[in-house]
PDB file of N, CA and C in Angstrom:
ATOM      1  N   MET A   1       0.837  -1.149   0.021  1.00  0.00           N
ATOM      2  CA  MET A   1      -0.008   0.103  -0.032  1.00  0.00           C
ATOM      3  C   MET A   1       0.722   1.082   0.167  1.00  0.00           C
ATOM      4  N   ARG A   2       0.534   2.122  -0.965  1.00  0.00           N
ATOM      5  CA  ARG A   2       1.269   3.364  -1.128  1.00  0.00           C
ATOM      6  C   ARG A   2       0.321   4.532  -1.181  1.00  0.00           C
ATOM      7  N   THR A   3       0.839   5.703  -0.434  1.00  0.00           N
ATOM      8  CA  THR A   3       0.061   6.917  -0.481  1.00  0.00           C
ATOM      9  C   THR A   3       1.072   7.908  -1.184  1.00  0.00           C
ATOM     10  N   VAL A   4       0.169   8.983  -1.915  1.00  0.00           N
ATOM     11  CA  VAL A   4       0.803   9.687  -3.039  1.00  0.00           C
ATOM     12  C   VAL A   4      -0.078  10.779  -2.815  1.00  0.00           C
ATOM     13  N   SER A   5       0.367  11.977  -3.065  1.00  0.00           N
ATOM     14  CA  SER A   5      -0.343  13.226  -3.446  1.00  0.00           C
ATOM     15  C   SER A   5      -0.874  13.402  -4.819  1.00  0.00           C
ATOM     16  N   ALA A   6      -1.867  14.180  -4.919  1.00  0.00           N
ATOM     17  CA  ALA A   6      -2.540  14.385  -6.241  1.00  0.00           C
ATOM     18  C   ALA A   6      -1.533  14.707  -7.386  1.00  0.00           C
ATOM     19  N   ARG A   7      -0.615  15.569  -6.636  1.00  0.00           N
ATOM     20  CA  ARG A   7       0.391  16.109  -7.647  1.00  0.00           C
ATOM     21  C   ARG A   7       1.335  14.992  -8.169  1.00  0.00           C
ATOM     22  N   ASP A   8       1.708  14.377  -7.306  1.00  0.00           N
ATOM     23  CA  ASP A   8       2.843  13.226  -7.409  1.00  0.00           C
ATOM     24  C   ASP A   8       2.058  12.244  -8.195  1.00  0.00           C
ATOM     25  N   ALA A   9       0.749  11.909  -8.138  1.00  0.00           N
ATOM     26  CA  ALA A   9       0.088  10.953  -8.689  1.00  0.00           C
ATOM     27  C   ALA A   9       0.071  11.362 -10.152  1.00  0.00           C
ATOM     28  N   ASN A  10      -0.312  12.703 -10.430  1.00  0.00           N
ATOM     29  CA  ASN A  10      -0.285  13.212 -11.925  1.00  0.00           C
ATOM     30  C   ASN A  10       0.596  13.016 -12.682  1.00  0.00           C
ATOM     31  N   GLN A  11       2.064  13.503 -11.924  1.00  0.00           N
ATOM     32  CA  GLN A  11       3.283  13.383 -12.472  1.00  0.00           C
ATOM     33  C   GLN A  11       3.951  11.962 -12.887  1.00  0.00           C
ATOM     34  N   GLN A  12       3.583  11.118 -11.818  1.00  0.00           N
ATOM     35  CA  GLN A  12       3.953   9.389 -12.211  1.00  0.00           C
ATOM     36  C   GLN A  12       3.034   8.633 -12.228  1.00  0.00           C
ATOM     37  N   PHE A  13       1.832   8.892 -13.130  1.00  0.00           N
ATOM     38  CA  PHE A  13       0.556   8.135 -13.216  1.00  0.00           C
ATOM     39  C   PHE A  13       0.971   6.529 -13.796  1.00  0.00           C
ATOM     40  N   SER A  14       1.966   6.791 -15.094  1.00  0.00           N
ATOM     41  CA  SER A  14       2.160   5.508 -15.536  1.00  0.00           C
ATOM     42  C   SER A  14       2.898   4.365 -14.431  1.00  0.00           C
ATOM     43  N   ARG A  15       3.667   5.011 -13.319  1.00  0.00           N
ATOM     44  CA  ARG A  15       4.385   4.159 -12.851  1.00  0.00           C
ATOM     45  C   ARG A  15       3.443   3.777 -11.312  1.00  0.00           C
ATOM     46  N   LEU A  16       2.373   4.385 -11.391  1.00  0.00           N
ATOM     47  CA  LEU A  16       1.483   4.106 -10.399  1.00  0.00           C
ATOM     48  C   LEU A  16       0.447   2.820 -10.808  1.00  0.00           C
ATOM     49  N   LEU A  17       0.118   3.148 -12.335  1.00  0.00           N
ATOM     50  CA  LEU A  17      -0.372   2.005 -12.931  1.00  0.00           C
ATOM     51  C   LEU A  17       0.016   0.817 -13.237  1.00  0.00           C
ATOM     52  N   SER A  18       1.524   0.474 -13.443  1.00  0.00           N
ATOM     53  CA  SER A  18       2.106  -0.536 -13.224  1.00  0.00           C
ATOM     54  C   SER A  18       2.383  -0.871 -11.634  1.00  0.00           C
ATOM     55  N   ALA A  19       2.533  -0.304 -10.871  1.00  0.00           N
ATOM     56  CA  ALA A  19       2.402  -0.726  -9.645  1.00  0.00           C
ATOM     57  C   ALA A  19       1.009  -1.451  -9.227  1.00  0.00           C
ATOM     58  N   VAL A  20      -0.039  -0.846  -9.801  1.00  0.00           N
ATOM     59  CA  VAL A  20      -1.244  -1.449  -9.339  1.00  0.00           C
ATOM     60  C   VAL A  20      -1.626  -2.623 -10.234  1.00  0.00           C
ATOM     61  N   GLU A  21      -1.239  -2.613 -11.277  1.00  0.00           N
ATOM     62  CA  GLU A  21      -1.006  -4.017 -12.086  1.00  0.00           C
ATOM     63  C   GLU A  21      -0.354  -5.140 -11.372  1.00  0.00           C
ATOM     64  N   GLU A  22       0.763  -4.782 -10.735  1.00  0.00           N
ATOM     65  CA  GLU A  22       1.390  -5.778  -9.912  1.00  0.00           C
ATOM     66  C   GLU A  22       0.583  -6.327  -8.694  1.00  0.00           C
ATOM     67  N   GLY A  23      -0.677  -5.586  -8.447  1.00  0.00           N
ATOM     68  CA  GLY A  23      -1.248  -6.074  -7.309  1.00  0.00           C
ATOM     69  C   GLY A  23      -1.146  -4.818  -6.124  1.00  0.00           C
ATOM     70  N   GLU A  24      -0.358  -3.898  -6.372  1.00  0.00           N
ATOM     71  CA  GLU A  24      -0.464  -3.008  -4.959  1.00  0.00           C
ATOM     72  C   GLU A  24      -1.526  -1.949  -5.010  1.00  0.00           C
ATOM     73  N   THR A  25      -2.233  -1.333  -3.923  1.00  0.00           N
ATOM     74  CA  THR A  25      -3.013  -0.484  -3.867  1.00  0.00           C
ATOM     75  C   THR A  25      -2.261   0.981  -3.434  1.00  0.00           C
ATOM     76  N   VAL A  26      -2.716   2.087  -4.079  1.00  0.00           N
ATOM     77  CA  VAL A  26      -2.331   3.251  -4.135  1.00  0.00           C
ATOM     78  C   VAL A  26      -3.471   4.198  -3.557  1.00  0.00           C
ATOM     79  N   PHE A  27      -3.050   5.056  -2.582  1.00  0.00           N
ATOM     80  CA  PHE A  27      -4.263   5.937  -2.212  1.00  0.00           C
ATOM     81  C   PHE A  27      -3.585   7.215  -2.544  1.00  0.00           C
ATOM     82  N   ILE A  28      -4.758   7.929  -3.072  1.00  0.00           N
ATOM     83  CA  ILE A  28      -4.179   9.660  -3.666  1.00  0.00           C
ATOM     84  C   ILE A  28      -4.748  10.458  -2.571  1.00  0.00           C
ATOM     85  N   THR A  29      -3.940  11.439  -2.015  1.00  0.00           N
ATOM     86  CA  THR A  29      -4.270  12.472  -1.106  1.00  0.00           C
ATOM     87  C   THR A  29      -4.384  13.681  -1.719  1.00  0.00           C
ATOM     88  N   LYS A  30      -5.160  14.604  -1.121  1.00  0.00           N
ATOM     89  CA  LYS A  30      -5.509  16.149  -1.758  1.00  0.00           C
ATOM     90  C   LYS A  30      -5.350  17.023  -0.175  1.00  0.00           C
ATOM     91  N   ASN A  31      -4.582  17.771  -0.095  1.00  0.00           N
ATOM     92  CA  ASN A  31      -4.538  18.541   1.119  1.00  0.00           C
ATOM     93  C   ASN A  31      -4.484  17.815   2.283  1.00  0.00           C
ATOM     94  N   GLY A  32      -3.767  16.469   2.177  1.00  0.00           N
ATOM     95  CA  GLY A  32      -3.607  15.612   3.251  1.00  0.00           C
ATOM     96  C   GLY A  32      -4.781  14.595   3.428  1.00  0.00           C
ATOM     97  N   ARG A  33      -5.612  14.563   2.725  1.00  0.00           N
ATOM     98  CA  ARG A  33      -7.018  13.788   2.806  1.00  0.00           C
ATOM     99  C   ARG A  33      -7.105  12.922   1.652  1.00  0.00           C
ATOM    100  N   THR A  34      -7.293  11.647   2.037  1.00  0.00           N
ATOM    101  CA  THR A  34      -7.330  10.681   0.881  1.00  0.00           C
ATOM    102  C   THR A  34      -8.836  10.918   0.248  1.00  0.00           C
ATOM    103  N   VAL A  35      -8.197  11.240  -1.339  1.00  0.00           N
ATOM    104  CA  VAL A  35      -9.689  11.404  -1.976  1.00  0.00           C
ATOM    105  C   VAL A  35      -9.966  10.221  -3.215  1.00  0.00           C
ATOM    106  N   ALA A  36      -8.948   9.253  -3.331  1.00  0.00           N
ATOM    107  CA  ALA A  36      -9.085   8.201  -4.326  1.00  0.00           C
ATOM    108  C   ALA A  36      -8.218   7.104  -3.781  1.00  0.00           C
ATOM    109  N   GLU A  37      -8.691   5.875  -4.464  1.00  0.00           N
ATOM    110  CA  GLU A  37      -7.691   4.724  -4.320  1.00  0.00           C
ATOM    111  C   GLU A  37      -7.610   3.988  -5.500  1.00  0.00           C
ATOM    112  N   LEU A  38      -6.658   3.686  -5.936  1.00  0.00           N
ATOM    113  CA  LEU A  38      -6.314   2.766  -7.031  1.00  0.00           C
ATOM    114  C   LEU A  38      -5.950   1.384  -6.525  1.00  0.00           C
ATOM    115  N   ARG A  39      -6.580   0.235  -7.271  1.00  0.00           N
ATOM    116  CA  ARG A  39      -6.442  -0.991  -6.673  1.00  0.00           C
ATOM    117  C   ARG A  39      -6.628  -1.595  -7.918  1.00  0.00           C
ATOM    118  N   PRO A  40      -5.975  -2.971  -7.911  1.00  0.00           N
ATOM    119  CA  PRO A  40      -6.308  -3.862  -8.992  1.00  0.00           C
ATOM    120  C   PRO A  40      -7.419  -4.304  -8.756  1.00  0.00           C
ATOM    121  N   ARG A  41      -8.194  -4.451 -10.094  1.00  0.00           N
ATOM    122  CA  ARG A  41      -9.426  -4.966 -10.200  1.00  0.00           C
ATOM    123  C   ARG A  41      -9.339  -6.757 -10.443  1.00  0.00           C
ATOM    124  N   ALA A  42     -10.343  -6.986  -9.678  1.00  0.00           N
ATOM    125  CA  ALA A  42     -10.362  -8.757  -9.675  1.00  0.00           C
ATOM    126  C   ALA A  42     -10.798  -8.975 -11.333  1.00  0.00           C
ATOM    127  N   PRO A  43     -10.578 -10.236 -11.801  1.00  0.00           N
ATOM    128  CA  PRO A  43     -10.756 -10.609 -12.818  1.00  0.00           C
ATOM    129  C   PRO A  43     -12.206 -10.859 -13.077  1.00  0.00           C
ATOM    130  N   ASP A  44     -12.673 -11.225 -12.211  1.00  0.00           N
ATOM    131  CA  ASP A  44     -14.093 -11.452 -11.945  1.00  0.00           C
ATOM    132  C   ASP A  44     -14.468 -10.769 -10.641  1.00  0.00           C
ATOM    133  N   ARG A  45     -15.512  -9.881 -10.963  1.00  0.00           N
ATOM    134  CA  ARG A  45     -15.863  -9.018  -9.819  1.00  0.00           C
ATOM    135  C   ARG A  45     -16.477  -9.617  -8.670  1.00  0.00           C
ATOM    136  N   ARG A  46     -16.988 -10.879  -8.996  1.00  0.00           N
ATOM    137  CA  ARG A  46     -17.777 -11.613  -7.792  1.00  0.00           C
ATOM    138  C   ARG A  46     -16.729 -11.730  -6.749  1.00  0.00           C
ATOM    139  N   ASP A  47     -15.334 -11.933  -7.148  1.00  0.00           N
ATOM    140  CA  ASP A  47     -14.273 -12.262  -6.173  1.00  0.00           C
ATOM    141  C   ASP A  47     -13.747 -10.919  -5.519  1.00  0.00           C
ATOM    142  N   ASP A  48     -14.218  -9.924  -6.060  1.00  0.00           N
ATOM    143  CA  ASP A  48     -14.317  -8.491  -5.267  1.00  0.00           C
ATOM    144  C   ASP A  48     -14.970  -8.570  -3.827  1.00  0.00           C
ATOM    145  N   PRO A  49     -14.057  -8.409  -2.760  1.00  0.00           N
ATOM    146  CA  PRO A  49     -15.096  -8.485  -1.603  1.00  0.00           C
ATOM    147  C   PRO A  49     -16.081  -7.116  -1.082  1.00  0.00           C
ATOM    148  N   GLU A  50     -15.613  -6.115  -1.766  1.00  0.00           N
ATOM    149  CA  GLU A  50     -16.395  -4.992  -1.678  1.00  0.00           C
ATOM    150  C   GLU A  50     -17.537  -5.247  -2.462  1.00  0.00           C
ATOM    151  N   TRP A  51     -17.464  -5.619  -3.536  1.00  0.00           N
ATOM    152  CA  TRP A  51     -18.890  -5.761  -4.766  1.00  0.00           C
ATOM    153  C   TRP A  51     -19.393  -6.908  -4.261  1.00  0.00           C
ATOM    154  N   ARG A  52     -18.897  -7.838  -3.858  1.00  0.00           N
ATOM    155  CA  ARG A  52     -19.813  -9.186  -3.059  1.00  0.00           C
ATOM    156  C   ARG A  52     -20.421  -8.885  -1.828  1.00  0.00           C
ATOM    157  N   ALA A  53     -20.166  -7.624  -1.217  1.00  0.00           N
ATOM    158  CA  ALA A  53     -20.538  -7.389   0.096  1.00  0.00           C
ATOM    159  C   ALA A  53     -22.169  -6.595  -0.270  1.00  0.00           C
ATOM    160  N   ALA A  54     -21.702  -5.590  -1.246  1.00  0.00           N
ATOM    161  CA  ALA A  54     -22.596  -4.922  -1.757  1.00  0.00           C
ATOM    162  C   ALA A  54     -23.805  -5.854  -2.670  1.00  0.00           C
ATOM    163  N   TYR A  55     -23.415  -6.667  -3.075  1.00  0.00           N
ATOM    164  CA  TYR A  55     -24.496  -7.554  -3.722  1.00  0.00           C
ATOM    165  C   TYR A  55     -25.267  -8.108  -3.003  1.00  0.00           C
ATOM    166  N   ASP A  56     -24.591  -9.037  -1.987  1.00  0.00           N
ATOM    167  CA  ASP A  56     -25.171  -9.524  -0.969  1.00  0.00           C
ATOM    168  C   ASP A  56     -26.215  -8.792  -0.342  1.00  0.00           C
ATOM    169  N   GLU A  57     -25.833  -7.643   0.070  1.00  0.00           N
ATOM    170  CA  GLU A  57     -27.067  -6.480   0.613  1.00  0.00           C
ATOM    171  C   GLU A  57     -28.105  -6.387  -0.318  1.00  0.00           C
ATOM    172  N   MET A  58     -27.849  -6.189  -1.534  1.00  0.00           N
ATOM    173  CA  MET A  58     -29.001  -5.496  -2.358  1.00  0.00           C
ATOM    174  C   MET A  58     -30.005  -7.052  -2.258  1.00  0.00           C
ATOM    175  N   ILE A  59     -29.397  -8.276  -2.410  1.00  0.00           N
ATOM    176  CA  ILE A  59     -30.330  -9.512  -2.337  1.00  0.00           C
ATOM    177  C   ILE A  59     -31.090  -9.531  -1.163  1.00  0.00           C
ATOM    178  N   LYS A  60     -30.372  -9.325  -0.031  1.00  0.00           N
ATOM    179  CA  LYS A  60     -30.971  -9.470   1.219  1.00  0.00           C
ATOM    180  C   LYS A  60     -32.332  -8.341   1.330  1.00  0.00           C
ATOM    181  N   LEU A  61     -32.203  -7.076   0.967  1.00  0.00           N
ATOM    182  CA  LEU A  61     -32.863  -6.137   0.884  1.00  0.00           C
ATOM    183  C   LEU A  61     -34.170  -6.456   0.130  1.00  0.00           C
ATOM    184  N   MET A  62     -33.748  -7.182  -1.190  1.00  0.00           N
ATOM    185  CA  MET A  62     -34.784  -7.607  -2.167  1.00  0.00           C
ATOM    186  C   MET A  62     -35.871  -8.516  -1.897  1.00  0.00           C
ATOM    187  N   ARG A  63     -35.071  -9.356  -1.266  1.00  0.00           N
ATOM    188  CA  ARG A  63     -35.957 -10.571  -0.551  1.00  0.00           C
ATOM    189  C   ARG A  63     -36.799 -10.002   0.829  1.00  0.00           C
ATOM    190  N   SER A  64     -36.398  -9.283   1.518  1.00  0.00           N
ATOM    191  CA  SER A  64     -37.194  -8.464   2.688  1.00  0.00           C
ATOM    192  C   SER A  64     -38.523  -7.503   2.232  1.00  0.00           C
ATOM    193  N   THR A  65     -38.311  -7.131   1.091  1.00  0.00           N
ATOM    194  CA  THR A  65     -39.304  -6.231   0.408  1.00  0.00           C
ATOM    195  C   THR A  65     -40.528  -7.075   0.122  1.00  0.00           C
ATOM    196  N   VAL A  66     -41.637  -6.559   0.345  1.00  0.00           N
ATOM    197  CA  VAL A  66     -42.845  -7.278   0.051  1.00  0.00           C
ATOM    198  C   VAL A  66     -43.184  -7.109  -1.163  1.00  0.00           C
ATOM    199  N   ALA A  67     -43.892  -8.057  -1.994  1.00  0.00           N
ATOM    200  CA  ALA A  67     -43.895  -8.053  -3.434  1.00  0.00           C
ATOM    201  C   ALA A  67     -45.026  -7.116  -3.778  1.00  0.00           C
ATOM    202  N   THR A  68     -45.033  -5.861  -4.119  1.00  0.00           N
ATOM    203  CA  THR A  68     -46.580  -4.879  -4.366  1.00  0.00           C
ATOM    204  C   THR A  68     -46.304  -4.775  -5.776  1.00  0.00           C
ATOM    205  N   GLY A  69     -47.561  -4.196  -6.344  1.00  0.00           N
ATOM    206  CA  GLY A  69     -47.196  -3.698  -7.574  1.00  0.00           C
ATOM    207  C   GLY A  69     -48.417  -4.546  -8.511  1.00  0.00           C
ATOM    208  N   TYR A  70     -48.573  -4.011  -9.529  1.00  0.00           N
ATOM    209  CA  TYR A  70     -49.693  -4.239 -10.410  1.00  0.00           C
ATOM    210  C   TYR A  70     -49.052  -5.335 -11.488  1.00  0.00           C
ATOM    211  N   ARG A  71     -49.433  -6.415 -11.610  1.00  0.00           N
ATOM    212  CA  ARG A  71     -48.969  -7.346 -13.140  1.00  0.00           C
ATOM    213  C   ARG A  71     -49.820  -7.045 -13.914  1.00  0.00           C
ATOM    214  N   VAL A  72     -49.322  -6.833 -15.216  1.00  0.00           N
ATOM    215  CA  VAL A  72     -49.998  -6.418 -16.392  1.00  0.00           C
ATOM    216  C   VAL A  72     -49.807  -7.800 -17.470  1.00  0.00           C
ATOM    217  N   GLY A  73     -50.775  -8.020 -18.159  1.00  0.00           N
ATOM    218  CA  GLY A  73     -50.544  -9.145 -19.115  1.00  0.00           C
ATOM    219  C   GLY A  73     -49.770  -8.922 -20.341  1.00  0.00           C
ATOM    220  N   LYS A  74     -49.822  -9.362 -21.562  1.00  0.00           N
ATOM    221  CA  LYS A  74     -49.081  -9.077 -22.722  1.00  0.00           C
ATOM    222  C   LYS A  74     -49.523  -7.591 -23.228  1.00  0.00           C
ATOM    223  N   ILE A  75     -48.518  -6.875 -23.618  1.00  0.00           N
ATOM    224  CA  ILE A  75     -48.380  -5.435 -23.952  1.00  0.00           C
ATOM    225  C   ILE A  75     -48.738  -5.574 -25.463  1.00  0.00           C
ATOM    226  N   THR A  76     -49.946  -4.894 -25.850  1.00  0.00           N
ATOM    227  CA  THR A  76     -50.363  -5.219 -27.303  1.00  0.00           C
ATOM    228  C   THR A  76     -49.988  -3.786 -28.162  1.00  0.00           C
ATOM    229  N   GLU A  77     -50.241  -3.473 -29.275  1.00  0.00           N
ATOM    230  CA  GLU A  77     -49.750  -2.293 -30.088  1.00  0.00           C
ATOM    231  C   GLU A  77     -50.841  -1.050 -29.450  1.00  0.00           C
ATOM    232  N   GLU A  78     -52.008  -1.462 -29.466  1.00  0.00           N
ATOM    233  CA  GLU A  78     -52.718  -0.337 -28.844  1.00  0.00           C
ATOM    234  C   GLU A  78     -52.298   0.136 -27.656  1.00  0.00           C
ATOM    235  N   ASP A  79     -51.878  -0.730 -26.685  1.00  0.00           N
ATOM    236  CA  ASP A  79     -51.037  -0.055 -25.336  1.00  0.00           C
ATOM    237  C   ASP A  79     -50.063   0.820 -25.650  1.00  0.00           C
ATOM    238  N   ASN A  80     -49.172   0.383 -26.524  1.00  0.00           N
ATOM    239  CA  ASN A  80     -48.053   0.855 -26.894  1.00  0.00           C
ATOM    240  C   ASN A  80     -48.216   2.487 -27.245  1.00  0.00           C
ATOM    241  N   TYR A  81     -49.485   2.697 -28.111  1.00  0.00           N
ATOM    242  CA  TYR A  81     -49.718   3.938 -28.807  1.00  0.00           C
ATOM    243  C   TYR A  81     -50.878   4.447 -28.253  1.00  0.00           C
ATOM    244  N   GLY A  82     -51.801   4.036 -27.351  1.00  0.00           N
ATOM    245  CA  GLY A  82     -53.007   4.417 -26.742  1.00  0.00           C
ATOM    246  C   GLY A  82     -53.913   5.005 -27.871  1.00  0.00           C
ATOM    247  N   ASP A  83     -54.651   5.932 -27.363  1.00  0.00           N
ATOM    248  CA  ASP A  83     -55.681   6.556 -28.270  1.00  0.00           C
ATOM    249  C   ASP A  83     -54.924   7.328 -29.591  1.00  0.00           C
ATOM    250  N   ALA A  84     -53.906   7.520 -29.697  1.00  0.00           N
ATOM    251  CA  ALA A  84     -53.244   8.229 -30.931  1.00  0.00           C
ATOM    252  C   ALA A  84     -53.569   7.749 -32.173  1.00  0.00           C
ATOM    253  N   PRO A  85     -54.293   8.549 -33.290  1.00  0.00           N
ATOM    254  CA  PRO A  85     -54.565   8.017 -34.705  1.00  0.00           C
ATOM    255  C   PRO A  85     -53.541   7.619 -35.046  1.00  0.00           C
ATOM    256  N   LEU A  86     -53.627   6.374 -36.155  1.00  0.00           N
ATOM    257  CA  LEU A  86     -52.545   5.753 -37.025  1.00  0.00           C
ATOM    258  C   LEU A  86     -52.639   6.473 -38.147  1.00  0.00           C
TER     259      LEU A  86
END
């Protein structure tokens, strides 16, 4: 893990990308505060723990929501255009 300023990141962006390709995570700071994170992307995002946690939370919320709403049948041409003259 490496921390660099926004100015340094701008000046050595290619080197930072090479480090990220090798598996390193880089935090970019501006005025002493972390504003960005460069990290390697998992080949399959389902292997990314952050993505997996967000996905699992979404599924949990979807299952806990009561299914409401109106179910419609097959949509016809008349439904698409309503009362508009042909």
